[in-house]
Amino acid sequence: MLFNTLSFFLFFAVVFLVHYSIPKSFRVIFLLLASYFFYMCWRPEYIVLILFSTVVDYICSRGIDSHRGNRFKQKMFLAVSIVSNLGLLGYFKYTHFLVGVFNDLNSSGFSVEQIILPVGISFYTFQTLGHTIDVYRGDIRAEKNFFKFSLFVSYFPQLVAGPIERAKNLLPQISHQKELDPLQIRRGLIRFGWGLFKKVVIADRLVSFIDPVYQNPEGFSAFSLYMVTLMFAFQIYCDFSGYSDMAIGIARCLGVNLMDNFKRPYFSKSVSEFWGRWHMSLSFWFRDYLYIPLGGNKKGEWRRDANLMATFLVSGLWHGASWNFIVWGGINGLFVAGGNVLKRYWPKSVSINWPFRNLMKAFITFHLICSSWIYFRAQDITTANYILKKIISMDFFTSLSLILKNRSHDLFINQRASEFQIAIGAIVFMELVHLWERKRPLEDSILLMERPYRWTFYIFMMLAIINLGRAVHVPFIYFQF
């Protein structure tokens, strides 16, 4: 049940009306049942996995909480939680990858049956595991109410693709249900509409340009490969941040504030800054539960860089069970660690004061990120290497002149010029809005506008979504993770 479908709109309308019509004491149970129904619309039998993860972590967190004076027993409960969640994730997500590695190393033909990856498993296992670790650390107390804890694990707005919420933020809001707040509902609808615009007008439109080129890169010029790589950067951003905005908006309509997951990442002036703005719930999860336990930055600069590298490699593996994603994580780790090394050894006496210095840094950072996206999007490492080498060897200005003169044999853009113009116009509009919301969130800026201007914006967005949104429902990219 995709957020941008009629079936979801009907589902949410029923949930919204019933949620505010019943007494607060029944809302947790109702939202829990609604969340389970929402998940079972994908594949009913996999609800067992969420129930398993929920029961294990509920028991483990309660066990840790009840043995505050016995560190050994606490560690045992924590170990059970870690092994159960990572074992569940490992079996469904990495079995085929590990079997393939085993076969490559031993030249054997061992095989296993096809395993279908349950949607959202990477997200809810990390969310429930984070709760148990927080209880072990003493940051929070274990949730005693099983139904509230179950809803924390399976809350439908962010169940299948995040944000990965922290227990200290979501559980108190689940426990203290709010009255209907018209202002919050308006803020939620604006946020949802903005996410829907990014998804159906930009991300889904860019798919038709990107897929044919990445499926057959040998048939296209270096300039085309370069262009679709830039397009993919915006596709994945608009697709994933669009989902996050919709999830935040839906939850806000139900009286819950989820954490922001993106903060204008392509305005970043370094790769390190980019990863503080992109998929922030995951970045912060790895920071708190992997990077800091490894030692963080407390054991010297070289150890810090090694910890960063390890964290990015694991993050790459989290995204997908293939060498592509490991290489993608490693490339970003090298960018971040390399940036730290450069800062250490760059002569302090040498100061570069270029005109438009910050703009140039953002331009360079964006292209570094795009170079890593090639490994994220390509079918395999060989294909990614081919695309990257071809782009690097490109004569940019010669290729551009051929494009402008309509002499490029593979110029798919001119063949669909109107679609390309709509995509570019929508991206420019989105980035202008991002500049506008630097001081405050978009929904707050809109609500502070005079009514005629506010309604002009509403009508413009509705017309854009209705007339320019793609009718074909393209699954969200991060559902595969």
Protein backbone atom coordinates (compact mmCIF):
# COMPACT_ATOMS: atom_id res chain seq x y z
CA MET A 1 0.00 0.00 0.00
CA LEU A 2 2.02 2.93 -1.32
CA PHE A 3 1.49 6.37 0.20
CA ASN A 4 0.69 7.83 -3.23
CA THR A 5 -2.21 5.48 -4.02
CA LEU A 6 -5.96 5.76 -3.63
CA SER A 7 -6.04 2.67 -1.41
CA PHE A 8 -3.75 4.36 1.12
CA PHE A 9 -5.77 7.58 1.09
CA LEU A 10 -8.89 5.57 1.91
CA PHE A 11 -7.05 3.60 4.59
CA PHE A 12 -5.69 6.74 6.22
CA ALA A 13 -9.06 8.50 6.07
CA VAL A 14 -10.62 5.64 8.04
CA VAL A 15 -7.71 5.52 10.52
CA PHE A 16 -7.85 9.29 11.05
CA LEU A 17 -11.62 9.40 11.65
CA VAL A 18 -11.68 6.38 13.96
CA HIS A 19 -8.54 7.49 15.84
CA TYR A 20 -10.09 10.78 16.94
CA SER A 21 -13.55 9.28 17.50
CA ILE A 22 -12.63 6.65 20.06
CA PRO A 23 -11.47 7.20 23.66
CA LYS A 24 -7.73 7.72 24.16
CA SER A 25 -7.48 4.48 26.12
CA PHE A 26 -8.33 2.48 22.97
CA ARG A 27 -6.15 4.37 20.51
CA VAL A 28 -2.97 2.38 21.06
CA ILE A 29 -4.71 -0.91 20.32
CA PHE A 30 -6.48 0.57 17.31
CA LEU A 31 -3.29 2.06 15.82
CA LEU A 32 -1.48 -1.23 16.47
CA LEU A 33 -4.13 -3.19 14.56
CA ALA A 34 -4.10 -0.59 11.77
CA SER A 35 -0.30 -0.84 11.56
CA TYR A 36 -0.42 -4.63 11.35
CA PHE A 37 -3.09 -4.43 8.65
CA PHE A 38 -0.96 -1.90 6.74
CA TYR A 39 2.06 -4.21 6.85
CA MET A 40 0.09 -7.32 5.96
CA CYS A 41 -1.06 -5.64 2.77
CA TRP A 42 2.50 -6.22 1.50
CA ARG A 43 2.88 -9.90 2.45
CA PRO A 44 0.65 -11.21 5.27
CA GLU A 45 2.88 -14.03 6.52
CA TYR A 46 5.78 -11.71 7.31
CA ILE A 47 3.85 -10.14 10.16
CA VAL A 48 5.25 -13.08 12.13
CA LEU A 49 8.72 -11.54 11.83
CA ILE A 50 7.63 -8.24 13.36
CA LEU A 51 5.88 -10.12 16.17
CA PHE A 52 9.02 -12.18 16.78
CA SER A 53 11.25 -9.10 16.93
CA THR A 54 8.73 -7.33 19.16
CA VAL A 55 8.39 -10.18 21.66
CA VAL A 56 12.15 -10.84 21.85
CA ASP A 57 13.06 -7.21 22.48
CA TYR A 58 10.20 -6.66 24.91
CA ILE A 59 11.39 -9.61 27.01
CA CYS A 60 15.06 -8.61 26.70
CA SER A 61 14.52 -4.96 27.59
CA ARG A 62 12.36 -5.90 30.58
CA GLY A 63 14.98 -8.44 31.62
CA ILE A 64 17.75 -5.82 31.46
CA ASP A 65 15.63 -3.38 33.44
CA SER A 66 14.85 -5.92 36.16
CA HIS A 67 18.52 -6.90 36.67
CA ARG A 68 20.11 -3.51 37.23
CA GLY A 69 22.52 -4.91 39.78
CA ASN A 70 23.62 -7.90 37.71
CA ARG A 71 25.71 -6.84 34.73
CA PHE A 72 26.22 -10.40 33.52
CA LYS A 73 22.50 -11.07 33.14
CA GLN A 74 22.03 -7.70 31.48
CA LYS A 75 24.69 -8.58 28.94
CA MET A 76 23.02 -11.93 28.31
CA PHE A 77 19.68 -10.28 27.56
CA LEU A 78 21.42 -7.73 25.33
CA ALA A 79 23.23 -10.51 23.47
CA VAL A 80 19.95 -12.33 22.85
CA SER A 81 18.45 -9.14 21.41
CA ILE A 82 21.44 -8.44 19.16
CA VAL A 83 21.73 -12.04 17.92
CA SER A 84 17.97 -12.34 17.32
CA ASN A 85 17.59 -9.10 15.39
CA LEU A 86 20.81 -9.31 13.40
CA GLY A 87 20.22 -13.03 12.83
CA LEU A 88 16.76 -12.28 11.47
CA LEU A 89 18.13 -9.53 9.27
CA GLY A 90 21.10 -11.63 8.21
CA TYR A 91 19.05 -14.64 7.14
CA PHE A 92 16.56 -12.78 4.98
CA LYS A 93 18.91 -10.15 3.59
CA TYR A 94 22.37 -11.70 3.36
CA THR A 95 21.99 -15.47 2.93
CA HIS A 96 22.28 -15.40 -0.87
CA PHE A 97 25.17 -12.94 -0.73
CA LEU A 98 27.10 -15.06 1.76
CA VAL A 99 26.42 -18.23 -0.22
CA GLY A 100 27.74 -16.48 -3.33
CA VAL A 101 30.91 -15.41 -1.51
CA PHE A 102 31.36 -18.97 -0.21
CA ASN A 103 30.96 -20.40 -3.72
CA ASP A 104 33.47 -17.91 -5.15
CA LEU A 105 36.05 -18.77 -2.52
CA ASN A 106 35.60 -22.53 -2.77
CA SER A 107 34.59 -22.90 -6.44
CA SER A 108 31.51 -24.80 -5.28
CA GLY A 109 27.95 -24.84 -6.54
CA PHE A 110 26.11 -24.68 -3.23
CA SER A 111 22.69 -23.06 -3.57
CA VAL A 112 19.68 -22.12 -1.45
CA GLU A 113 16.07 -21.46 -2.33
CA GLN A 114 15.01 -17.93 -3.20
CA ILE A 115 14.36 -15.85 -0.08
CA ILE A 116 12.00 -12.90 -0.44
CA LEU A 117 13.21 -9.86 1.52
CA PRO A 118 10.48 -8.67 3.91
CA VAL A 119 9.73 -4.99 3.33
CA GLY A 120 11.04 -2.73 6.08
CA ILE A 121 13.01 -5.41 7.94
CA SER A 122 16.19 -3.29 8.02
CA PHE A 123 14.27 -0.45 9.62
CA TYR A 124 12.18 -2.11 12.32
CA THR A 125 15.00 -4.42 13.48
CA PHE A 126 17.28 -1.41 13.98
CA GLN A 127 14.54 0.53 15.72
CA THR A 128 13.71 -2.19 18.24
CA LEU A 129 17.39 -3.06 18.75
CA GLY A 130 18.11 0.61 19.48
CA HIS A 131 15.49 0.53 22.24
CA THR A 132 17.12 -2.46 23.92
CA ILE A 133 20.59 -0.89 23.74
CA ASP A 134 19.26 2.35 25.25
CA VAL A 135 17.74 0.38 28.13
CA TYR A 136 21.04 -1.45 28.64
CA ARG A 137 22.92 1.85 28.76
CA GLY A 138 20.45 3.25 31.27
CA ASP A 139 19.34 6.05 28.95
CA ILE A 140 15.70 5.01 29.25
CA ARG A 141 13.57 2.57 31.22
CA ALA A 142 12.04 -0.41 29.46
CA GLU A 143 8.46 0.07 28.28
CA LYS A 144 6.22 -2.08 30.50
CA ASN A 145 3.10 -1.95 28.35
CA PHE A 146 3.43 -4.61 25.66
CA PHE A 147 0.91 -2.97 23.33
CA LYS A 148 2.64 0.42 23.47
CA PHE A 149 5.98 -1.23 22.78
CA SER A 150 4.45 -3.18 19.89
CA LEU A 151 3.14 0.05 18.38
CA PHE A 152 6.57 1.64 18.76
CA VAL A 153 8.04 -1.19 16.67
CA SER A 154 5.31 -1.23 14.01
CA TYR A 155 3.96 2.35 13.81
CA PHE A 156 2.72 2.36 10.23
CA PRO A 157 3.78 5.85 8.98
CA GLN A 158 7.46 4.99 9.40
CA LEU A 159 7.37 1.19 9.51
CA VAL A 160 8.66 0.23 6.08
CA ALA A 161 11.22 2.98 5.28
CA GLY A 162 11.84 5.05 8.39
CA PRO A 163 12.73 7.44 9.83
CA ILE A 164 14.31 5.04 12.33
CA GLU A 165 12.85 6.52 15.50
CA ARG A 166 14.35 6.53 18.98
CA ALA A 167 12.33 5.16 21.87
CA LYS A 168 12.81 8.33 23.93
CA ASN A 169 11.03 10.33 21.22
CA LEU A 170 8.29 8.02 19.98
CA LEU A 171 7.25 6.03 23.07
CA PRO A 172 6.24 9.06 25.20
CA GLN A 173 4.08 10.31 22.33
CA ILE A 174 2.44 6.91 22.00
CA SER A 175 1.76 6.86 25.74
CA HIS A 176 0.26 10.36 25.84
CA GLN A 177 -2.28 10.54 23.04
CA LYS A 178 -3.15 14.09 22.01
CA GLU A 179 -6.45 15.77 21.22
CA LEU A 180 -7.24 16.76 17.66
CA ASP A 181 -5.16 19.85 16.83
CA PRO A 182 -6.22 21.65 13.61
CA LEU A 183 -2.89 23.51 13.40
CA GLN A 184 -0.89 20.28 13.59
CA ILE A 185 -3.14 18.69 10.98
CA ARG A 186 -2.55 21.61 8.62
CA ARG A 187 1.20 21.34 9.18
CA GLY A 188 1.00 17.60 8.56
CA LEU A 189 -0.97 17.96 5.33
CA ILE A 190 1.47 20.56 3.99
CA ARG A 191 4.40 18.27 4.80
CA PHE A 192 2.64 15.31 3.19
CA GLY A 193 1.82 17.34 0.07
CA TRP A 194 5.42 18.51 -0.26
CA GLY A 195 6.66 14.92 -0.04
CA LEU A 196 4.05 13.79 -2.57
CA PHE A 197 5.22 16.52 -4.98
CA LYS A 198 8.83 15.36 -4.73
CA LYS A 199 7.85 11.74 -5.26
CA VAL A 200 5.35 11.85 -8.15
CA VAL A 201 6.45 14.98 -10.00
CA ILE A 202 10.24 14.62 -9.77
CA ALA A 203 11.39 11.15 -8.66
CA ASP A 204 8.91 9.08 -10.69
CA ARG A 205 9.49 11.25 -13.77
CA LEU A 206 13.27 10.83 -13.63
CA VAL A 207 12.98 7.03 -13.58
CA SER A 208 12.12 6.92 -17.29
CA PHE A 209 15.36 8.75 -18.12
CA ILE A 210 17.63 6.82 -15.76
CA ASP A 211 16.61 3.17 -16.10
CA PRO A 212 17.20 2.71 -19.87
CA VAL A 213 20.68 4.24 -19.64
CA TYR A 214 21.84 2.31 -16.57
CA GLN A 215 20.46 -0.93 -18.00
CA ASN A 216 22.52 -0.52 -21.17
CA PRO A 217 25.32 1.99 -20.50
CA GLU A 218 27.37 0.80 -23.49
CA GLY A 219 24.72 2.20 -25.81
CA PHE A 220 25.03 5.76 -24.58
CA SER A 221 27.61 8.52 -24.65
CA ALA A 222 29.65 9.69 -21.69
CA PHE A 223 27.60 12.87 -21.52
CA SER A 224 24.35 10.90 -21.27
CA LEU A 225 25.84 8.76 -18.50
CA TYR A 226 26.91 11.93 -16.71
CA MET A 227 23.46 13.50 -17.06
CA VAL A 228 21.53 10.48 -15.79
CA THR A 229 23.93 10.12 -12.88
CA LEU A 230 23.05 13.67 -11.84
CA MET A 231 19.39 12.79 -12.38
CA PHE A 232 19.72 9.74 -10.15
CA ALA A 233 21.08 11.93 -7.36
CA PHE A 234 17.83 13.88 -7.44
CA GLN A 235 15.68 10.81 -8.03
CA ILE A 236 16.90 9.02 -4.92
CA TYR A 237 16.72 12.21 -2.86
CA CYS A 238 13.18 13.10 -3.96
CA ASP A 239 12.04 9.48 -3.63
CA PHE A 240 13.41 8.89 -0.14
CA SER A 241 12.99 12.36 1.35
CA GLY A 242 9.55 12.46 -0.25
CA TYR A 243 8.65 9.27 1.62
CA SER A 244 10.05 10.70 4.86
CA ASP A 245 8.07 13.92 4.42
CA MET A 246 4.88 11.95 3.82
CA ALA A 247 5.55 9.75 6.86
CA ILE A 248 6.19 12.81 9.03
CA GLY A 249 3.04 14.48 7.71
CA ILE A 250 0.84 11.42 8.32
CA ALA A 251 2.16 10.98 11.85
CA ARG A 252 1.68 14.69 12.58
CA CYS A 253 -1.99 14.41 11.58
CA LEU A 254 -2.27 11.69 14.23
CA GLY A 255 -0.59 13.86 16.89
CA VAL A 256 2.94 12.41 16.65
CA ASN A 257 6.10 14.32 15.73
CA LEU A 258 8.67 12.13 13.97
CA MET A 259 12.26 13.26 13.57
CA ASP A 260 13.39 14.98 10.37
CA ASN A 261 15.34 12.67 8.09
CA PHE A 262 16.80 15.11 5.55
CA LYS A 263 18.11 18.65 5.78
CA ARG A 264 18.92 20.03 2.30
CA PRO A 265 21.83 17.57 1.81
CA TYR A 266 22.91 18.79 -1.63
CA PHE A 267 23.78 22.18 -0.16
CA SER A 268 26.52 20.49 1.90
CA LYS A 269 30.05 21.84 1.56
CA SER A 270 31.78 18.55 2.45
CA VAL A 271 30.98 14.85 2.31
CA SER A 272 31.08 14.72 6.10
CA GLU A 273 28.46 17.46 6.26
CA PHE A 274 26.39 15.64 3.64
CA TRP A 275 26.11 12.57 5.85
CA GLY A 276 24.95 14.74 8.72
CA ARG A 277 22.07 15.89 6.50
CA TRP A 278 21.17 12.70 4.57
CA HIS A 279 19.04 9.93 6.10
CA MET A 280 19.85 11.43 9.48
CA SER A 281 18.01 8.80 11.50
CA LEU A 282 20.29 6.08 10.10
CA SER A 283 23.44 8.21 10.28
CA PHE A 284 22.75 9.00 13.93
CA TRP A 285 21.94 5.33 14.61
CA PHE A 286 25.32 4.20 13.29
CA ARG A 287 27.04 7.05 15.13
CA ASP A 288 25.51 6.16 18.49
CA TYR A 289 25.49 2.36 18.25
CA LEU A 290 28.58 1.59 16.16
CA TYR A 291 30.98 4.51 15.68
CA ILE A 292 31.04 5.64 19.34
CA PRO A 293 31.28 2.06 20.76
CA LEU A 294 34.25 1.50 18.43
CA GLY A 295 35.94 4.41 20.15
CA GLY A 296 34.65 7.35 18.15
CA ASN A 297 37.18 10.18 18.13
CA LYS A 298 38.54 9.53 21.62
CA LYS A 299 41.50 7.32 20.62
CA GLY A 300 43.41 9.54 18.25
CA GLU A 301 42.88 10.89 14.78
CA TRP A 302 43.96 7.79 12.84
CA ARG A 303 41.77 5.54 14.98
CA ARG A 304 38.89 7.95 14.41
CA ASP A 305 39.34 7.66 10.65
CA ALA A 306 39.50 3.86 10.90
CA ASN A 307 36.28 3.89 12.95
CA LEU A 308 34.64 6.10 10.32
CA MET A 309 35.74 3.74 7.58
CA ALA A 310 34.35 0.71 9.41
CA THR A 311 31.07 2.51 10.05
CA PHE A 312 30.65 3.45 6.38
CA LEU A 313 31.43 -0.09 5.24
CA VAL A 314 28.78 -1.50 7.57
CA SER A 315 26.37 1.20 6.43
CA GLY A 316 26.97 0.16 2.84
CA LEU A 317 26.27 -3.47 3.71
CA TRP A 318 23.09 -2.40 5.53
CA HIS A 319 21.82 -0.87 2.31
CA GLY A 320 22.15 -4.02 0.28
CA ALA A 321 23.63 -7.50 0.10
CA SER A 322 26.08 -6.97 -2.74
CA TRP A 323 29.61 -5.76 -3.29
CA ASN A 324 28.22 -2.65 -4.96
CA PHE A 325 26.92 -1.31 -1.69
CA ILE A 326 30.05 -2.23 0.24
CA VAL A 327 32.14 -0.35 -2.32
CA TRP A 328 29.68 2.56 -2.18
CA GLY A 329 30.05 2.71 1.60
CA GLY A 330 33.82 2.42 1.33
CA ILE A 331 34.01 5.28 -1.19
CA ASN A 332 32.08 7.58 1.14
CA GLY A 333 34.23 6.45 4.05
CA LEU A 334 37.35 7.35 2.05
CA PHE A 335 35.87 10.75 1.19
CA VAL A 336 35.15 11.53 4.86
CA ALA A 337 38.39 10.09 6.26
CA GLY A 338 40.37 11.63 3.40
CA GLY A 339 38.83 14.99 4.18
CA ASN A 340 40.03 14.66 7.77
CA VAL A 341 43.55 13.78 6.62
CA LEU A 342 43.57 16.74 4.24
CA LYS A 343 42.57 19.08 7.07
CA ARG A 344 45.38 17.73 9.25
CA TYR A 345 48.13 18.17 6.70
CA TRP A 346 46.91 21.17 4.75
CA PRO A 347 49.34 24.04 5.51
CA LYS A 348 47.64 26.52 7.79
CA SER A 349 49.49 29.33 6.09
CA VAL A 350 47.78 28.50 2.79
CA SER A 351 44.33 30.02 2.72
CA ILE A 352 42.18 29.78 -0.38
CA ASN A 353 39.78 32.67 -0.78
CA TRP A 354 38.09 31.85 -4.06
CA PRO A 355 35.16 33.91 -5.25
CA PHE A 356 31.97 31.98 -4.42
CA ARG A 357 34.04 29.64 -2.26
CA ASN A 358 31.06 27.96 -0.55
CA LEU A 359 29.30 27.48 -3.87
CA MET A 360 32.41 25.82 -5.29
CA LYS A 361 32.71 23.52 -2.27
CA ALA A 362 29.06 22.52 -2.59
CA PHE A 363 29.58 21.87 -6.33
CA ILE A 364 32.59 19.62 -5.65
CA THR A 365 30.82 17.79 -2.81
CA PHE A 366 27.78 17.17 -4.99
CA HIS A 367 29.92 15.60 -7.72
CA LEU A 368 31.82 13.46 -5.24
CA ILE A 369 28.51 12.15 -3.90
CA CYS A 370 27.28 11.56 -7.46
CA SER A 371 30.40 9.52 -8.24
CA SER A 372 29.52 7.22 -5.33
CA TRP A 373 25.86 7.03 -6.40
CA ILE A 374 27.06 5.26 -9.56
CA TYR A 375 27.96 2.21 -7.44
CA PHE A 376 24.65 2.46 -5.60
CA ARG A 377 22.61 2.45 -8.83
CA ALA A 378 24.62 0.24 -11.22
CA GLN A 379 23.79 -3.44 -11.57
CA ASP A 380 27.28 -4.58 -10.57
CA ILE A 381 30.77 -3.25 -9.90
CA THR A 382 31.97 -3.91 -13.45
CA THR A 383 29.17 -1.78 -14.86
CA ALA A 384 29.80 0.94 -12.28
CA ASN A 385 33.51 1.01 -13.12
CA TYR A 386 32.69 1.30 -16.83
CA ILE A 387 30.30 4.22 -16.26
CA LEU A 388 32.69 6.06 -13.95
CA LYS A 389 35.68 5.64 -16.31
CA LYS A 390 33.65 6.80 -19.29
CA ILE A 391 32.43 9.91 -17.44
CA ILE A 392 35.94 10.77 -16.21
CA SER A 393 37.36 10.47 -19.74
CA MET A 394 34.56 12.59 -21.23
CA ASP A 395 35.33 15.74 -23.21
CA PHE A 396 32.57 17.74 -21.58
CA PHE A 397 32.46 20.77 -23.85
CA THR A 398 32.66 18.76 -27.07
CA SER A 399 29.83 16.52 -25.87
CA LEU A 400 27.77 19.53 -24.86
CA SER A 401 28.25 21.19 -28.24
CA LEU A 402 27.02 18.02 -29.99
CA ILE A 403 23.98 18.03 -27.73
CA LEU A 404 23.19 21.66 -28.52
CA LYS A 405 23.62 21.03 -32.26
CA ASN A 406 21.36 17.93 -32.11
CA ARG A 407 24.15 15.73 -33.44
CA SER A 408 24.38 13.25 -30.57
CA HIS A 409 23.17 9.83 -31.75
CA ASP A 410 21.88 8.82 -28.29
CA LEU A 411 20.31 12.11 -27.23
CA PHE A 412 17.28 10.67 -25.48
CA ILE A 413 16.66 14.00 -23.74
CA ASN A 414 15.74 15.90 -26.92
CA GLN A 415 13.43 13.06 -27.87
CA ARG A 416 11.40 13.78 -24.74
CA ALA A 417 12.20 17.46 -24.29
CA SER A 418 8.96 18.40 -22.53
CA GLU A 419 9.40 15.71 -19.88
CA PHE A 420 12.98 16.79 -19.33
CA GLN A 421 11.97 20.44 -19.01
CA ILE A 422 9.29 19.60 -16.45
CA ALA A 423 11.80 17.60 -14.40
CA ILE A 424 14.41 20.37 -14.47
CA GLY A 425 11.83 23.03 -13.66
CA ALA A 426 10.51 20.99 -10.71
CA ILE A 427 14.04 20.42 -9.37
CA VAL A 428 14.84 24.15 -9.59
CA PHE A 429 11.56 24.95 -7.82
CA MET A 430 12.38 22.41 -5.08
CA GLU A 431 15.84 23.87 -4.49
CA LEU A 432 14.42 27.40 -4.32
CA VAL A 433 11.99 26.18 -1.67
CA HIS A 434 14.95 24.62 0.18
CA LEU A 435 16.65 28.01 0.20
CA TRP A 436 13.43 29.57 1.47
CA GLU A 437 13.15 27.13 4.39
CA ARG A 438 16.63 27.72 5.78
CA LYS A 439 15.20 29.84 8.62
CA ARG A 440 12.17 27.68 9.45
CA PRO A 441 10.38 24.54 8.23
CA LEU A 442 8.40 24.87 5.01
CA GLU A 443 5.03 24.29 6.67
CA ASP A 444 5.67 27.02 9.22
CA SER A 445 6.76 29.46 6.52
CA ILE A 446 3.60 28.78 4.53
CA LEU A 447 1.30 29.15 7.55
CA LEU A 448 2.86 32.55 8.29
CA MET A 449 1.98 33.81 4.81
CA GLU A 450 -1.05 36.01 4.15
CA ARG A 451 -4.10 33.96 3.19
CA PRO A 452 -4.15 34.88 -0.56
CA TYR A 453 -0.48 33.90 -0.96
CA ARG A 454 -0.94 30.77 1.14
CA TRP A 455 -3.87 29.55 -0.93
CA THR A 456 -2.03 30.39 -4.13
CA PHE A 457 0.72 28.04 -2.99
CA TYR A 458 -1.81 25.33 -2.07
CA ILE A 459 -3.54 25.54 -5.46
CA PHE A 460 -0.24 25.58 -7.33
CA MET A 461 0.96 22.44 -5.53
CA MET A 462 -2.33 20.60 -6.05
CA LEU A 463 -2.40 21.43 -9.76
CA ALA A 464 1.25 20.40 -10.12
CA ILE A 465 0.63 17.04 -8.43
CA ILE A 466 -2.57 16.36 -10.39
CA ASN A 467 -1.34 17.48 -13.82
CA LEU A 468 2.39 16.75 -13.65
CA GLY A 469 2.50 13.75 -11.31
CA ARG A 470 3.28 10.44 -12.95
CA ALA A 471 0.28 8.09 -13.08
CA VAL A 472 2.45 4.96 -12.92
CA HIS A 473 3.09 3.98 -9.29
CA VAL A 474 6.83 3.44 -8.89
CA PRO A 475 7.81 1.68 -5.62
CA PHE A 476 9.92 3.70 -3.21
CA ILE A 477 13.61 2.93 -3.68
CA TYR A 478 14.30 2.28 0.00
CA PHE A 479 11.57 -0.38 0.23
CA GLN A 480 14.19 -2.82 -1.09
CA PHE A 481 16.38 -2.21 1.95
